[in-house]
Amino acid sequence: MKVMIVDEDQELSDLLKKTLWMSYYAKAKAWAREDAGTPVEGLEIEQFWNQADALRHLAAASEAVKVIFTTCPACNDGGGADFIRACRNQYRDKYQSLILIAERGDQQYIDQGFQAGAEGCLLKPFSPEDLVQHL
């Protein structure tokens, strides 16, 4: 599974990446114990700290990725709605799902994200298990 994290805060992006790794592989070990004959799919995570770099990467991607996007209230486009719209309209064949991560009080950004095409939303704080389930 390929995952793309888009978060302008590098520290939070690193925390998301670490959480995803730990949770995914803990779950993968459990799956392997339940079905010993089935190989566990690997996990690749790429991080982007700005939307332009993320879109360039998505345009060049050879296979579909899952996108985790943290809303950006400081952005001039309604918390990142333009980024979500660009993914949806220009690169629909390049991603499998687009998950928003938002603060509990960011309802307008959540609404704009869903209107732009996000498929899911996690509200902070969330558990590592919630993150893996959304993927």
Protein backbone atom coordinates (compact mmCIF):
# COMPACT_ATOMS: atom_id res chain seq x y z
CA MET A 1 0.00 0.00 0.00
CA LYS A 2 1.30 3.45 -0.92
CA VAL A 3 0.33 6.39 1.25
CA MET A 4 0.97 10.07 0.67
CA ILE A 5 0.85 12.40 3.71
CA VAL A 6 0.30 16.07 2.88
CA ASP A 7 0.76 18.27 5.93
CA GLU A 8 2.48 21.64 6.06
CA ASP A 9 3.66 20.93 9.61
CA GLN A 10 6.67 18.60 9.32
CA GLU A 11 6.55 17.60 12.97
CA LEU A 12 2.90 16.52 12.72
CA SER A 13 3.60 14.78 9.43
CA ASP A 14 6.42 12.81 11.06
CA LEU A 15 4.11 11.86 13.92
CA LEU A 16 1.43 10.70 11.45
CA LYS A 17 4.02 8.64 9.59
CA LYS A 18 5.33 7.00 12.76
CA THR A 19 1.80 6.31 14.01
CA LEU A 20 0.82 4.79 10.69
CA TRP A 21 3.90 2.56 10.55
CA MET A 22 3.46 1.27 14.08
CA SER A 23 -0.28 0.69 13.79
CA TYR A 24 -0.14 -0.84 10.33
CA TYR A 25 2.56 -3.34 11.19
CA ALA A 26 0.93 -4.27 14.50
CA LYS A 27 -2.27 -5.01 12.59
CA ALA A 28 -0.32 -6.82 9.85
CA LYS A 29 1.25 -9.14 12.43
CA ALA A 30 -2.20 -9.96 13.77
CA TRP A 31 -3.47 -10.66 10.24
CA ALA A 32 -0.48 -12.91 9.58
CA ARG A 33 -1.18 -14.90 12.75
CA GLU A 34 -4.83 -15.35 11.74
CA ASP A 35 -4.03 -16.44 8.20
CA ALA A 36 -0.50 -17.83 8.18
CA GLY A 37 -0.50 -18.56 4.46
CA THR A 38 -1.31 -15.01 3.31
CA PRO A 39 1.58 -12.58 2.74
CA VAL A 40 1.22 -9.15 4.31
CA GLU A 41 1.22 -6.25 1.88
CA GLY A 42 4.02 -3.73 2.41
CA LEU A 43 3.59 -0.09 3.29
CA GLU A 44 5.28 2.86 1.56
CA ILE A 45 4.79 6.33 2.99
CA GLU A 46 5.80 9.57 1.30
CA GLN A 47 5.51 12.96 2.95
CA PHE A 48 4.91 16.36 1.40
CA TRP A 49 4.94 19.67 3.26
CA ASN A 50 3.26 21.69 0.55
CA GLN A 51 0.40 21.06 -1.80
CA ALA A 52 2.25 21.96 -5.01
CA ASP A 53 4.92 19.27 -4.46
CA ALA A 54 2.23 16.73 -3.56
CA LEU A 55 0.29 17.46 -6.77
CA ARG A 56 3.46 17.19 -8.91
CA HIS A 57 4.23 13.84 -7.33
CA LEU A 58 0.68 12.64 -7.80
CA ALA A 59 0.78 13.64 -11.48
CA ALA A 60 3.89 11.51 -12.00
CA ALA A 61 2.76 8.53 -9.89
CA SER A 62 2.85 5.18 -11.66
CA GLU A 63 0.29 3.58 -9.37
CA ALA A 64 -2.57 4.80 -7.22
CA VAL A 65 -1.84 6.01 -3.70
CA LYS A 66 -3.94 6.74 -0.63
CA VAL A 67 -3.77 10.41 0.35
CA ILE A 68 -3.95 11.71 3.91
CA PHE A 69 -4.43 15.47 3.89
CA THR A 70 -4.42 17.69 6.96
CA THR A 71 -6.69 20.71 6.64
CA CYS A 72 -4.85 23.98 6.48
CA PRO A 73 -6.87 26.85 8.01
CA ALA A 74 -4.04 29.26 7.10
CA CYS A 75 -4.40 28.40 3.39
CA ASN A 76 -6.31 30.88 1.27
CA ASP A 77 -8.41 28.15 -0.38
CA GLY A 78 -10.72 27.16 2.44
CA GLY A 79 -8.44 24.81 4.32
CA GLY A 80 -7.12 22.97 1.27
CA ALA A 81 -10.29 22.53 -0.79
CA ASP A 82 -8.40 23.50 -3.98
CA PHE A 83 -5.90 20.70 -3.35
CA ILE A 84 -8.69 18.18 -2.87
CA ARG A 85 -10.50 19.44 -5.97
CA ALA A 86 -7.30 19.15 -8.03
CA CYS A 87 -6.80 15.56 -6.84
CA ARG A 88 -10.40 14.71 -7.64
CA ASN A 89 -10.63 16.42 -11.02
CA GLN A 90 -7.15 16.06 -12.50
CA TYR A 91 -5.66 12.99 -10.86
CA ARG A 92 -8.63 10.74 -10.06
CA ASP A 93 -6.87 7.69 -11.49
CA LYS A 94 -3.76 8.39 -9.38
CA TYR A 95 -5.24 7.93 -5.92
CA GLN A 96 -7.47 5.37 -4.23
CA SER A 97 -8.85 7.49 -1.43
CA LEU A 98 -8.42 10.93 0.09
CA ILE A 99 -8.79 11.22 3.86
CA LEU A 100 -9.00 14.56 5.65
CA ILE A 101 -7.56 15.13 9.09
CA ALA A 102 -9.11 18.09 10.87
CA GLU A 103 -9.55 19.72 14.25
CA ARG A 104 -12.91 19.19 15.91
CA GLY A 105 -13.78 22.89 15.57
CA ASP A 106 -12.95 23.10 11.83
CA GLN A 107 -16.45 22.24 10.60
CA GLN A 108 -16.34 24.71 7.72
CA TYR A 109 -13.10 23.16 6.43
CA ILE A 110 -14.51 19.66 6.86
CA ASP A 111 -17.63 20.62 4.90
CA GLN A 112 -15.54 22.27 2.17
CA GLY A 113 -13.29 19.19 2.03
CA PHE A 114 -16.23 16.84 1.51
CA GLN A 115 -17.77 19.18 -1.06
CA ALA A 116 -14.42 19.21 -2.90
CA GLY A 117 -14.29 15.40 -2.97
CA ALA A 118 -12.71 13.98 0.20
CA GLU A 119 -13.92 10.45 0.95
CA GLY A 120 -13.35 10.39 4.69
CA CYS A 121 -12.40 12.48 7.69
CA LEU A 122 -10.60 11.85 10.95
CA LEU A 123 -11.06 14.35 13.76
CA LYS A 124 -8.15 15.11 16.08
CA PRO A 125 -7.46 13.52 18.43
CA PHE A 126 -7.87 10.08 16.89
CA SER A 127 -6.48 6.67 17.72
CA PRO A 128 -3.83 4.94 15.62
CA GLU A 129 -6.38 2.21 14.92
CA ASP A 130 -8.79 4.79 13.47
CA LEU A 131 -6.07 5.96 11.10
CA VAL A 132 -5.35 2.47 9.81
CA GLN A 133 -9.07 1.66 9.48
CA HIS A 134 -9.61 4.70 7.27
CA LEU A 135 -6.98 3.43 4.87
